């Protein structure tokens, strides 16, 4: 196995230097070139033949979005990670880039944090993303799974009425959710709850886009909102989202409890709360994403008699989260993304037709 060849594209000399230094210290990664704008990056593509590109959004002459469009014409499958600013404009541009075919994004550290903080973020967030997107270039190591018997669907999981759907998703999530939402509508007789690993502001803009492009309204969750059928809520960036029972009504709560699986929001707290409040009457869906968030929560949903569906490897940008659940024997079904929305609708309807 060879090293992952990375082309670093950014108009900031400091960012190019810091990223190149930190990536260069990683034994599995080699920085094969840098560029200060999209035009130079495109010219260097054939010269350096990278396995992955990090691409800044805001650059002179040819910005990241313009470069992305051109690169995708000739390199439709080349992994590209967008470098985004933690601003509303940066979030909008990042979502545009993901819709245009970017593989993932990395939010740049703020200048106030200093170079040490920037280096640490690159080590903790950017390097794992690079390795996940280029797993075939290096010896892959599957995340260790706790030993447990492989579970088979229980009678409860096959027949209990579904009253809520929870979705956990990370890398590749915005596009996966956009495709999934094309199959869902306001006629869905259950609420849909989403945890997408994203920072503040990004989640609100994602909810607005899902609402604008589908028939299932979506909004950021707030504490105290009552759950209603035919609506969806997304956990706000930097907040966990959980379900609580208030009398006969189910409502949402958001909190800043410690991160889980290095994530906040995380899918595990949502899935645990669904199992506690809804018991066997819940369906968990785990889509494309890096890491193993959702694994522990799916354990509890299956133990409560609920159902679990995961996305298959072929249609996932990264088969980390769904792969962990599938390998643990917790999935009732493993499906390509194109079939998951239909399966959700079918299972919700079938559970009602059965009169449970």
Protein backbone atom coordinates (compact mmCIF):
# COMPACT_ATOMS: atom_id res chain seq x y z
CA UNK A 1 0.00 0.00 0.00
CA UNK A 2 1.31 3.48 -0.86
CA UNK A 3 0.93 6.85 0.77
CA UNK A 4 -2.09 9.08 0.19
CA UNK A 5 -1.02 11.82 -2.23
CA UNK A 6 -2.58 15.18 -1.31
CA UNK A 7 -2.73 18.45 -3.24
CA UNK A 8 -3.27 21.44 -0.90
CA UNK A 9 -5.06 24.41 -2.48
CA UNK A 10 -5.43 27.65 -0.49
CA UNK A 11 -4.67 31.29 -1.14
CA UNK A 12 -3.20 31.71 2.37
CA UNK A 13 0.54 31.02 2.55
CA UNK A 14 0.19 30.28 6.28
CA UNK A 15 -2.59 27.73 5.78
CA UNK A 16 -0.70 25.99 2.96
CA UNK A 17 2.40 25.78 5.12
CA UNK A 18 0.66 24.56 8.29
CA UNK A 19 -1.48 21.99 6.48
CA UNK A 20 1.52 20.71 4.50
CA UNK A 21 3.65 20.42 7.65
CA UNK A 22 1.05 18.53 9.69
CA UNK A 23 0.08 16.22 6.83
CA UNK A 24 3.75 15.65 6.02
CA UNK A 25 4.35 14.37 9.57
CA UNK A 26 1.79 11.60 8.98
CA UNK A 27 3.49 8.41 7.71
CA UNK A 28 0.51 7.45 5.50
CA UNK A 29 0.22 10.86 3.78
CA UNK A 30 2.40 12.76 1.31
CA UNK A 31 1.78 16.35 0.19
CA UNK A 32 2.65 16.22 -3.51
CA UNK A 33 1.90 19.84 -4.33
CA UNK A 34 0.31 23.14 -3.32
CA UNK A 35 -1.57 25.84 -5.23
CA UNK A 36 -2.74 29.35 -4.34
CA UNK A 37 -5.94 29.31 -6.44
CA UNK A 38 -8.21 27.01 -8.41
CA UNK A 39 -6.64 27.75 -11.79
CA UNK A 40 -3.17 26.70 -10.64
CA UNK A 41 -4.65 23.64 -8.96
CA UNK A 42 -6.29 22.48 -12.18
CA UNK A 43 -3.04 23.01 -14.10
CA UNK A 44 -1.17 20.87 -11.54
CA UNK A 45 -3.66 18.03 -11.40
CA UNK A 46 -2.10 15.99 -14.19
CA UNK A 47 1.43 16.85 -13.01
CA UNK A 48 1.11 15.58 -9.42
CA UNK A 49 -1.75 13.04 -9.82
CA UNK A 50 -3.17 13.41 -6.29
CA UNK A 51 -5.37 10.89 -4.48
CA UNK A 52 -7.18 13.75 -2.72
CA UNK A 53 -7.44 17.55 -2.88
CA UNK A 54 -8.04 20.01 -0.06
CA UNK A 55 -9.71 23.00 -1.70
CA UNK A 56 -10.34 26.41 -0.16
CA UNK A 57 -13.68 28.03 -0.95
CA UNK A 58 -12.58 31.68 -1.21
CA UNK A 59 -9.64 32.27 -3.55
CA UNK A 60 -8.71 34.84 -6.23
CA UNK A 61 -8.91 34.24 -10.00
CA UNK A 62 -10.78 30.92 -9.68
CA UNK A 63 -12.47 30.14 -6.38
CA UNK A 64 -13.17 26.75 -4.85
CA UNK A 65 -16.65 26.31 -6.31
CA UNK A 66 -15.46 27.18 -9.81
CA UNK A 67 -12.50 24.84 -9.50
CA UNK A 68 -14.70 22.07 -8.12
CA UNK A 69 -17.03 22.26 -11.12
CA UNK A 70 -14.12 21.97 -13.55
CA UNK A 71 -12.35 19.18 -11.65
CA UNK A 72 -15.53 17.11 -11.50
CA UNK A 73 -15.76 17.14 -15.31
CA UNK A 74 -12.46 15.28 -15.64
CA UNK A 75 -12.13 13.61 -12.20
CA UNK A 76 -15.67 12.68 -11.10
CA UNK A 77 -14.52 10.35 -8.30
CA UNK A 78 -11.45 12.16 -6.95
CA UNK A 79 -12.02 12.89 -3.22
CA UNK A 80 -12.16 16.63 -2.54
CA UNK A 81 -12.36 18.19 0.92
CA UNK A 82 -13.52 21.81 0.97
CA UNK A 83 -11.93 24.25 3.42
CA UNK A 84 -14.74 26.35 4.83
CA UNK A 85 -14.95 29.42 7.06
CA UNK A 86 -17.16 29.26 10.16
CA UNK A 87 -19.42 32.00 8.86
CA UNK A 88 -22.88 32.03 7.31
CA UNK A 89 -21.37 32.71 3.91
CA UNK A 90 -18.87 29.91 4.45
CA UNK A 91 -21.66 27.52 5.45
CA UNK A 92 -23.74 28.40 2.37
CA UNK A 93 -20.75 27.94 0.08
CA UNK A 94 -19.90 24.62 1.74
CA UNK A 95 -23.40 23.25 1.21
CA UNK A 96 -23.20 24.43 -2.42
CA UNK A 97 -19.87 22.61 -2.78
CA UNK A 98 -21.24 19.40 -1.32
CA UNK A 99 -24.19 19.58 -3.74
CA UNK A 100 -21.68 20.02 -6.59
CA UNK A 101 -19.83 16.85 -5.62
CA UNK A 102 -17.36 17.71 -2.86
CA UNK A 103 -16.68 14.66 -0.69
CA UNK A 104 -16.42 16.41 2.68
CA UNK A 105 -15.53 19.72 4.29
CA UNK A 106 -13.19 20.99 7.00
CA UNK A 107 -13.98 24.17 8.92
CA UNK A 108 -10.86 26.31 9.18
CA UNK A 109 -9.69 27.21 12.69
CA UNK A 110 -10.18 30.86 13.58
CA UNK A 111 -7.10 33.06 13.62
CA UNK A 112 -7.61 33.76 17.33
CA UNK A 113 -6.78 30.16 18.20
CA UNK A 114 -3.18 30.35 17.03
CA UNK A 115 -1.07 27.90 15.05
CA UNK A 116 -0.97 25.24 17.78
CA UNK A 117 -4.77 24.99 17.79
CA UNK A 118 -4.79 24.87 13.99
CA UNK A 119 -2.30 22.00 13.96
CA UNK A 120 -4.32 20.08 16.55
CA UNK A 121 -7.56 20.46 14.57
CA UNK A 122 -5.83 19.25 11.42
CA UNK A 123 -4.57 16.17 13.31
CA UNK A 124 -7.90 15.41 14.99
CA UNK A 125 -10.33 16.22 12.17
CA UNK A 126 -8.70 16.58 8.77
CA UNK A 127 -6.30 13.62 8.85
CA UNK A 128 -9.00 11.06 9.85
CA UNK A 129 -11.24 12.40 7.06
CA UNK A 130 -8.44 12.06 4.51
CA UNK A 131 -7.76 8.47 5.59
CA UNK A 132 -11.44 7.56 5.56
CA UNK A 133 -11.91 8.90 2.03
CA UNK A 134 -8.75 7.16 0.79
CA UNK A 135 -8.99 3.95 2.79
CA UNK A 136 -8.00 1.83 -0.21
CA UNK A 137 -4.58 3.50 -0.34
CA UNK A 138 -3.54 2.38 3.14
CA UNK A 139 -3.96 -0.79 5.13
CA UNK A 140 -7.48 -0.48 6.52
CA UNK A 141 -8.10 -1.18 10.18
CA UNK A 142 -11.72 -1.85 11.10
CA UNK A 143 -12.81 -0.26 14.36
CA UNK A 144 -12.88 -2.88 17.12
CA UNK A 145 -16.35 -4.00 18.04
CA UNK A 146 -17.36 -5.31 21.46
CA UNK A 147 -18.01 -9.03 21.44
CA UNK A 148 -21.70 -9.90 21.43
CA UNK A 149 -23.94 -12.45 19.78
CA UNK A 150 -25.34 -11.46 16.39
CA UNK A 151 -28.93 -10.42 16.94
CA UNK A 152 -31.80 -11.57 14.80
CA UNK A 153 -34.98 -9.51 14.39
CA UNK A 154 -37.31 -10.08 17.33
CA UNK A 155 -41.06 -10.57 17.01
CA UNK A 156 -41.49 -7.06 18.42
CA UNK A 157 -39.13 -5.53 15.84
CA UNK A 158 -41.07 -7.19 13.03
CA UNK A 159 -44.54 -6.14 14.16
CA UNK A 160 -44.52 -3.16 16.54
CA UNK A 161 -46.03 0.06 15.24
CA UNK A 162 -43.38 2.63 14.30
CA UNK A 163 -44.06 6.01 15.92
CA UNK A 164 -40.76 7.81 15.30
CA UNK A 165 -37.82 7.63 12.87
CA UNK A 166 -34.32 8.70 13.93
CA UNK A 167 -31.48 9.24 11.46
CA UNK A 168 -27.75 9.41 12.24
CA UNK A 169 -25.40 10.61 9.49
CA UNK A 170 -22.03 12.29 9.03
CA UNK A 171 -19.62 12.39 6.05
CA UNK A 172 -21.67 12.60 2.86
CA UNK A 173 -24.77 13.41 4.89
CA UNK A 174 -26.19 16.56 3.26
CA UNK A 175 -26.44 14.89 -0.15
CA UNK A 176 -27.68 11.63 1.36
CA UNK A 177 -30.40 13.47 3.28
CA UNK A 178 -31.37 15.46 0.18
CA UNK A 179 -31.87 12.20 -1.76
CA UNK A 180 -33.67 10.49 1.11
CA UNK A 181 -36.06 13.42 1.59
CA UNK A 182 -37.25 13.11 -2.01
CA UNK A 183 -39.09 9.96 -0.92
CA UNK A 184 -40.57 11.41 2.29
CA UNK A 185 -43.42 13.87 2.63
CA UNK A 186 -45.67 15.68 5.09
CA UNK A 187 -48.07 12.73 4.79
CA UNK A 188 -45.61 10.53 6.69
CA UNK A 189 -47.54 9.67 9.88
CA UNK A 190 -44.50 9.92 12.18
CA UNK A 191 -41.90 12.58 13.09
CA UNK A 192 -38.35 12.28 11.73
CA UNK A 193 -35.37 13.25 13.90
CA UNK A 194 -31.93 13.84 12.37
CA UNK A 195 -28.43 14.03 13.79
CA UNK A 196 -25.97 15.29 11.17
CA UNK A 197 -22.44 15.94 12.37
CA UNK A 198 -22.12 19.65 11.57
CA UNK A 199 -21.17 22.85 13.40
CA UNK A 200 -23.58 25.65 14.40
CA UNK A 201 -25.18 27.59 11.56
CA UNK A 202 -24.53 24.77 9.08
CA UNK A 203 -27.39 22.72 10.56
CA UNK A 204 -29.87 25.58 10.31
CA UNK A 205 -28.99 26.21 6.67
CA UNK A 206 -29.19 22.48 5.93
CA UNK A 207 -32.68 22.34 7.47
CA UNK A 208 -33.76 25.29 5.31
CA UNK A 209 -32.44 23.58 2.16
CA UNK A 210 -34.17 20.29 2.96
CA UNK A 211 -37.44 22.17 3.47
CA UNK A 212 -37.01 24.07 0.21
CA UNK A 213 -36.23 21.00 -1.89
CA UNK A 214 -38.58 18.37 -0.44
CA UNK A 215 -42.14 17.84 0.80
CA UNK A 216 -41.10 17.09 4.39
CA UNK A 217 -40.62 20.31 6.43
CA UNK A 218 -37.40 20.42 8.46
CA UNK A 219 -36.21 22.79 11.17
CA UNK A 220 -33.56 23.00 13.85
CA UNK A 221 -34.64 21.47 17.13
CA UNK A 222 -35.32 23.60 20.21
CA UNK A 223 -36.09 22.48 23.74
CA UNK A 224 -39.78 21.98 24.42
CA UNK A 225 -41.03 21.61 20.87
CA UNK A 226 -43.73 18.93 20.62
CA UNK A 227 -43.20 16.16 18.09
CA UNK A 228 -45.71 16.02 15.25
CA UNK A 229 -46.23 13.63 12.37
CA UNK A 230 -45.10 14.78 8.95
CA UNK A 231 -42.38 17.05 10.33
CA UNK A 232 -38.65 16.65 10.79
CA UNK A 233 -36.11 18.20 13.14
CA UNK A 234 -32.31 18.34 12.97
CA UNK A 235 -30.04 18.62 16.00
CA UNK A 236 -28.44 22.08 16.14
CA UNK A 237 -24.66 22.23 15.76
CA UNK A 238 -22.84 21.81 19.10
CA UNK A 239 -25.98 20.47 20.83
CA UNK A 240 -27.19 16.95 21.45
CA UNK A 241 -30.88 16.33 20.69
CA UNK A 242 -32.96 13.89 22.76
CA UNK A 243 -36.61 12.89 23.09
CA UNK A 244 -38.45 13.37 26.38
CA UNK A 245 -41.95 12.42 27.51
CA UNK A 246 -44.08 15.13 29.07
CA UNK A 247 -47.36 13.58 30.17
CA UNK A 248 -48.84 11.95 27.08
CA UNK A 249 -46.81 14.11 24.70
CA UNK A 250 -43.31 13.55 23.33
CA UNK A 251 -41.09 16.59 22.96
CA UNK A 252 -37.50 17.47 22.12
CA UNK A 253 -34.73 18.72 24.35
CA UNK A 254 -31.31 20.00 23.33
CA UNK A 255 -28.31 20.06 25.63
CA UNK A 256 -24.57 20.54 25.74
CA UNK A 257 -23.69 17.37 27.61
CA UNK A 258 -20.14 16.16 26.85
CA UNK A 259 -19.43 15.06 23.27
CA UNK A 260 -19.86 11.37 22.49
CA UNK A 261 -17.70 9.64 19.90
CA UNK A 262 -15.92 13.02 19.67
CA UNK A 263 -19.18 14.49 18.33
CA UNK A 264 -21.78 16.99 19.48
CA UNK A 265 -24.41 16.48 18.23
CA UNK A 266 -24.13 12.69 18.31
CA UNK A 267 -26.58 10.03 17.22
CA UNK A 268 -26.12 7.82 20.28
CA UNK A 269 -27.90 10.17 22.74
CA UNK A 270 -30.85 10.51 20.34
CA UNK A 271 -31.14 6.76 19.76
CA UNK A 272 -30.90 6.01 23.50
CA UNK A 273 -33.68 8.46 24.27
CA UNK A 274 -35.84 7.00 21.49
CA UNK A 275 -35.42 3.52 22.97
CA UNK A 276 -36.33 4.82 26.43
CA UNK A 277 -39.39 6.86 25.39
CA UNK A 278 -40.75 4.78 22.49
CA UNK A 279 -39.53 1.26 23.33
CA UNK A 280 -40.20 -1.06 20.37
CA UNK A 281 -42.06 1.69 18.47
CA UNK A 282 -39.01 3.30 16.89
CA UNK A 283 -36.92 2.94 13.76
CA UNK A 284 -33.24 3.99 13.63
CA UNK A 285 -31.57 4.72 10.30
CA UNK A 286 -27.77 5.00 10.06
CA UNK A 287 -26.42 6.59 6.90
CA UNK A 288 -22.96 7.32 5.50
CA UNK A 289 -20.43 8.65 7.98
CA UNK A 290 -17.01 8.29 9.57
CA UNK A 291 -16.52 6.64 12.95
CA UNK A 292 -18.95 4.53 14.98
CA UNK A 293 -21.49 7.03 16.30
CA UNK A 294 -24.89 5.34 16.48
CA UNK A 295 -23.55 1.88 17.34
CA UNK A 296 -24.34 2.01 21.07
CA UNK A 297 -27.68 3.66 20.49
CA UNK A 298 -28.68 0.99 17.98
CA UNK A 299 -27.83 -1.63 20.59
CA UNK A 300 -30.42 -0.09 22.90
CA UNK A 301 -33.03 0.31 20.17
CA UNK A 302 -32.68 -3.37 19.23
CA UNK A 303 -32.77 -4.38 22.91
CA UNK A 304 -36.04 -2.45 23.26
CA UNK A 305 -37.49 -4.28 20.23
CA UNK A 306 -37.09 -1.41 17.77
CA UNK A 307 -35.89 -1.64 14.18
CA UNK A 308 -32.61 -0.59 12.53
CA UNK A 309 -31.80 0.09 8.85
CA UNK A 310 -28.32 1.01 7.61
CA UNK A 311 -26.92 2.24 4.31
CA UNK A 312 -24.78 -0.19 2.33
CA UNK A 313 -21.08 0.27 1.64
CA UNK A 314 -21.36 0.78 -2.11
CA UNK A 315 -23.59 3.86 -1.83
CA UNK A 316 -21.84 5.37 1.24
CA UNK A 317 -19.17 8.05 0.95
CA UNK A 318 -17.64 6.47 4.08
CA UNK A 319 -18.93 3.17 5.47
CA UNK A 320 -17.89 3.84 9.05
CA UNK A 321 -21.07 4.46 11.04
CA UNK A 322 -23.37 2.12 9.08
CA UNK A 323 -20.60 -0.46 8.72
CA UNK A 324 -20.08 -0.71 12.48
CA UNK A 325 -23.79 -1.30 13.05
CA UNK A 326 -23.98 -3.86 10.24
CA UNK A 327 -20.91 -5.78 11.41
CA UNK A 328 -22.30 -5.90 14.95
CA UNK A 329 -25.38 -7.72 13.65
CA UNK A 330 -27.73 -4.91 14.72
CA UNK A 331 -29.23 -4.07 11.31
CA UNK A 332 -32.59 -5.48 10.27
CA UNK A 333 -31.69 -4.49 6.72
CA UNK A 334 -28.68 -3.10 4.81
CA UNK A 335 -29.78 -1.14 1.75
CA UNK A 336 -28.45 1.25 -0.89
CA UNK A 337 -29.35 4.87 -0.24
CA UNK A 338 -31.78 4.89 -3.19
CA UNK A 339 -33.97 2.31 -1.43
CA UNK A 340 -33.91 3.57 2.16
CA UNK A 341 -36.62 6.23 1.86
CA UNK A 342 -39.02 3.75 0.28
CA UNK A 343 -38.18 1.21 3.00
CA UNK A 344 -38.92 3.77 5.74
CA UNK A 345 -42.31 4.55 4.21
CA UNK A 346 -43.06 0.84 3.73
CA UNK A 347 -42.17 -0.12 7.30
CA UNK A 348 -44.13 2.76 8.82
CA UNK A 349 -47.20 1.84 6.73
CA UNK A 350 -46.87 -1.92 7.33
CA UNK A 351 -46.68 -1.43 11.09
CA UNK A 352 -50.00 0.42 10.93
CA UNK A 353 -51.67 -2.07 8.59
CA UNK A 354 -50.79 -4.80 11.09
CA UNK A 355 -52.88 -2.94 13.65
CA UNK A 356 -50.16 -2.99 16.29
